[in-house]
Structure formats: C-alpha cells, structure tokens
Amino acid sequence: MTLVSFVNSLWGILTIVANVIAVYLLVAQFSLGLRQSSFARFFRDHSFLVSFIASGLAMAGSLTYSDVIGYAPCVLCWFQRICMYPLVLIMGLAMFRKDQNIKIYGLVLSIIGGLIALYHYVGQLGYTALPCSALGYSVSCSQQFVLEYGYITIPMMAFSAFALIATTLGISLRKDEQTNA
C-alpha cells in the first residue's frame, strides 16, 4: 500500500465516520429519545474536544495532501483552510479556558467553511461552474485529486469536518440556551 492510498483510505474512513455522527446529531435534535442518548450527550458535553480533534485532523489532512503528497490547493481550498485552521486554535483555547462564549465563533466559522466546501464539492461533481477554473496561478478547483469510495473528494472531507464541528457546537449551544432559560 502506497502512502497516497493509505492517506486516502484513512481520511475516507474518517469522512464517513464524521458524516454518520453529524447526521445522527442532526436527527437527534428532532427526536427526544436520540437527543437524550448517552452518545448525543457525549458530543454535547465535549463539544470543544470533538471540535478541536475534528479541526486538527482536517488541518493535518490538508497539510498532508499539500505538503507531503504534493497536491496544490486551489483557491476554494484556501478559503476552506482560512475557516478551518483557526478552529484548531480557537477550540483548543476554549477547551483550555472552558470559555463557553467561544462556541458561537466556532459555529460561524464552521458554517461558512462548510458552505464553501459544499459549493466546491457540488462544483467538482459538475452541477455548478466553479469560478476559479480559469485562474492561472493555482490548480483548477474542479480538479479531483482524490475520489475515495466513489464520492469522497477533498472538499467532501472538509465539508464533513465542518458539518461535524457545526452540529456538535450547535447542539452544545442549544443545551446552553435551555440551561439558561
């Protein structure tokens, strides 16, 4: 197994896991039984830790693809990085300081980054034109360096991390609002 195939498989599996957890947490918001499960409660109570780990793994993945494997990031990848990289620091500091007010900043960054990643992914599938395909100073945003398990590309990996962070922080904020009410 080559390094590239190992990295693709590892991050592909992590993407699937993030997708499953994010969907579960989203559905749990509309189901009292799921919302009170120990699984959902873990993510609600450890939102900083989960967000820190997810953003750290996403950052490690993007740096592995660009700096180790040699895939040049496109313009939309840079915008996603602009949203993801600070999350590692913000969530790490929030976890260390136990500052609940930082959740909203992480949620906003993850939603913005997730929307960019989703737009990028949909564009790579050919459903919308990507504006950066004609730029001469970077690779085309439509270029797929990775296609794992038939649907996982690098933008899907980023979207999954953003979705996990957003759902985790979102349910945690909802808990905080219910506690304060």
Protein backbone atom coordinates (compact mmCIF):
# COMPACT_ATOMS: atom_id res chain seq x y z
CA MET A 1 0.00 0.00 0.00
CA THR A 2 1.40 3.36 -1.01
CA LEU A 3 1.34 6.45 1.16
CA VAL A 4 -1.28 8.08 -1.06
CA SER A 5 -3.64 5.10 -0.95
CA PHE A 6 -3.18 4.80 2.83
CA VAL A 7 -3.92 8.52 3.37
CA ASN A 8 -6.92 8.38 1.02
CA SER A 9 -8.33 5.34 2.81
CA LEU A 10 -7.72 6.77 6.29
CA TRP A 11 -9.25 10.16 5.54
CA GLY A 12 -12.04 8.49 3.57
CA ILE A 13 -12.99 6.40 6.60
CA LEU A 14 -12.75 9.44 8.89
CA THR A 15 -15.02 11.32 6.47
CA ILE A 16 -17.63 8.57 6.60
CA VAL A 17 -17.46 8.49 10.40
CA ALA A 18 -17.83 12.29 10.58
CA ASN A 19 -20.81 12.14 8.20
CA VAL A 20 -22.57 9.44 10.22
CA ILE A 21 -22.04 11.27 13.52
CA ALA A 22 -23.12 14.65 12.09
CA VAL A 23 -26.31 13.15 10.61
CA TYR A 24 -27.06 11.36 13.89
CA LEU A 25 -26.60 14.56 15.88
CA LEU A 26 -28.75 16.49 13.43
CA VAL A 27 -31.55 13.91 13.60
CA ALA A 28 -31.19 13.81 17.39
CA GLN A 29 -32.24 17.46 17.53
CA PHE A 30 -35.69 16.42 16.34
CA SER A 31 -36.01 13.23 18.39
CA LEU A 32 -36.21 13.46 22.16
CA GLY A 33 -35.08 9.85 22.59
CA LEU A 34 -31.95 10.30 20.46
CA ARG A 35 -31.24 13.72 21.97
CA GLN A 36 -31.11 12.18 25.45
CA SER A 37 -28.94 9.23 24.41
CA SER A 38 -25.52 8.92 26.00
CA PHE A 39 -23.97 9.17 22.51
CA ALA A 40 -25.55 12.57 21.79
CA ARG A 41 -24.89 13.71 25.35
CA PHE A 42 -21.17 12.92 24.94
CA PHE A 43 -20.91 15.15 21.87
CA ARG A 44 -22.98 17.87 23.53
CA ASP A 45 -20.86 17.82 26.70
CA HIS A 46 -17.50 17.54 24.95
CA SER A 47 -18.11 19.92 22.06
CA PHE A 48 -14.76 21.69 22.41
CA LEU A 49 -12.81 18.45 22.46
CA VAL A 50 -14.67 17.00 19.46
CA SER A 51 -14.31 20.26 17.53
CA PHE A 52 -10.64 20.52 18.42
CA ILE A 53 -9.95 16.95 17.27
CA ALA A 54 -12.02 17.30 14.08
CA SER A 55 -10.40 20.59 13.09
CA GLY A 56 -6.94 19.28 13.99
CA LEU A 57 -7.42 16.17 11.86
CA ALA A 58 -8.77 18.28 8.99
CA MET A 59 -5.77 20.58 9.21
CA ALA A 60 -3.40 17.60 9.35
CA GLY A 61 -5.15 16.08 6.34
CA SER A 62 -4.94 19.25 4.26
CA LEU A 63 -1.28 19.73 5.12
CA THR A 64 -0.55 16.08 4.34
CA TYR A 65 -2.18 16.38 0.93
CA SER A 66 -0.42 19.65 0.07
CA ASP A 67 2.96 19.44 1.80
CA VAL A 68 3.68 15.69 1.91
CA ILE A 69 1.87 14.28 -1.11
CA GLY A 70 2.23 17.46 -3.18
CA TYR A 71 -1.34 18.32 -4.23
CA ALA A 72 -1.52 22.07 -4.77
CA PRO A 73 -4.55 23.66 -3.10
CA CYS A 74 -6.93 25.59 -5.32
CA VAL A 75 -8.50 28.95 -4.47
CA LEU A 76 -11.58 27.42 -2.81
CA CYS A 77 -9.34 25.08 -0.81
CA TRP A 78 -7.53 28.13 0.55
CA PHE A 79 -10.82 29.70 1.63
CA GLN A 80 -11.74 26.47 3.41
CA ARG A 81 -8.35 26.47 5.13
CA ILE A 82 -8.94 30.07 6.22
CA CYS A 83 -12.01 28.84 8.10
CA MET A 84 -10.59 25.52 9.36
CA TYR A 85 -7.11 26.37 10.63
CA PRO A 86 -8.20 28.99 13.21
CA LEU A 87 -10.71 26.48 14.59
CA VAL A 88 -7.84 24.38 15.92
CA LEU A 89 -6.53 27.31 17.95
CA ILE A 90 -9.95 28.67 18.92
CA MET A 91 -11.32 25.31 20.07
CA GLY A 92 -8.08 24.44 21.85
CA LEU A 93 -8.13 27.71 23.76
CA ALA A 94 -11.84 27.38 24.51
CA MET A 95 -11.29 23.87 25.85
CA PHE A 96 -8.36 25.03 27.99
CA ARG A 97 -10.17 28.10 29.33
CA LYS A 98 -13.62 26.46 29.46
CA ASP A 99 -14.98 29.58 27.76
CA GLN A 100 -18.50 28.71 26.56
CA ASN A 101 -18.85 32.03 24.72
CA ILE A 102 -16.41 30.91 22.04
CA LYS A 103 -18.86 28.30 20.71
CA ILE A 104 -20.64 30.85 18.54
CA TYR A 105 -17.38 31.86 16.81
CA GLY A 106 -16.57 28.24 16.05
CA LEU A 107 -20.10 27.67 14.79
CA VAL A 108 -19.94 30.67 12.45
CA LEU A 109 -16.53 29.67 11.06
CA SER A 110 -17.64 26.08 10.54
CA ILE A 111 -20.85 27.10 8.78
CA ILE A 112 -19.02 29.48 6.43
CA GLY A 113 -16.31 26.90 5.73
CA GLY A 114 -18.91 24.18 5.28
CA LEU A 115 -20.82 26.25 2.72
CA ILE A 116 -17.62 26.90 0.76
CA ALA A 117 -16.70 23.20 0.89
CA LEU A 118 -20.20 22.15 -0.19
CA TYR A 119 -20.13 24.62 -3.09
CA HIS A 120 -16.70 23.28 -4.06
CA TYR A 121 -17.89 19.66 -3.88
CA VAL A 122 -21.03 20.34 -5.92
CA GLY A 123 -18.86 22.14 -8.48
CA GLN A 124 -16.47 19.20 -8.69
CA LEU A 125 -19.44 16.95 -9.42
CA GLY A 126 -20.26 19.25 -12.34
CA TYR A 127 -23.54 20.67 -11.04
CA THR A 128 -22.31 24.25 -10.96
CA ALA A 129 -19.50 26.15 -12.63
CA LEU A 130 -16.54 26.86 -10.42
CA PRO A 131 -15.22 30.41 -10.84
CA CYS A 132 -11.58 29.57 -10.28
CA SER A 133 -11.15 27.07 -13.12
CA ALA A 134 -9.60 29.69 -15.39
CA LEU A 135 -7.16 31.27 -12.93
CA GLY A 136 -3.56 30.91 -13.95
CA TYR A 137 -1.90 30.98 -10.53
CA SER A 138 -3.47 27.87 -9.00
CA VAL A 139 -4.84 24.50 -9.96
CA SER A 140 -8.41 24.30 -11.16
CA CYS A 141 -11.00 23.99 -8.40
CA SER A 142 -12.73 21.32 -10.47
CA GLN A 143 -9.70 19.00 -10.41
CA GLN A 144 -10.29 15.92 -8.24
CA PHE A 145 -7.06 14.69 -6.70
CA VAL A 146 -8.94 12.14 -4.58
CA LEU A 147 -12.05 10.07 -5.28
CA GLU A 148 -12.41 7.54 -2.48
CA TYR A 149 -15.35 5.16 -2.13
CA GLY A 150 -17.00 6.69 -5.18
CA TYR A 151 -17.93 10.04 -3.63
CA ILE A 152 -15.28 11.32 -1.23
CA THR A 153 -13.14 14.14 -2.58
CA ILE A 154 -11.01 16.59 -0.64
CA PRO A 155 -13.86 19.17 -0.47
CA MET A 156 -16.18 16.43 0.86
CA MET A 157 -13.61 15.66 3.54
CA ALA A 158 -13.56 19.33 4.53
CA PHE A 159 -17.36 19.59 4.42
CA SER A 160 -17.67 16.55 6.70
CA ALA A 161 -15.31 18.04 9.27
CA PHE A 162 -17.14 21.38 9.16
CA ALA A 163 -20.50 19.60 9.47
CA LEU A 164 -19.33 17.60 12.49
CA ILE A 165 -17.98 20.73 14.17
CA ALA A 166 -21.13 22.74 13.39
CA THR A 167 -23.55 20.07 14.63
CA THR A 168 -21.52 19.44 17.76
CA LEU A 169 -21.27 23.14 18.63
CA GLY A 170 -24.89 23.71 17.61
CA ILE A 171 -26.28 21.07 19.97
CA SER A 172 -23.99 22.32 22.70
CA LEU A 173 -25.25 25.88 22.24
CA ARG A 174 -28.82 24.63 22.31
CA LYS A 175 -28.08 22.89 25.61
CA ASP A 176 -26.60 26.11 26.98
CA GLU A 177 -29.71 28.07 25.93
CA GLN A 178 -32.02 25.51 27.58
CA THR A 179 -29.93 25.58 30.75
CA ASN A 180 -30.04 29.38 30.92
CA ALA A 181 -33.78 29.60 30.16
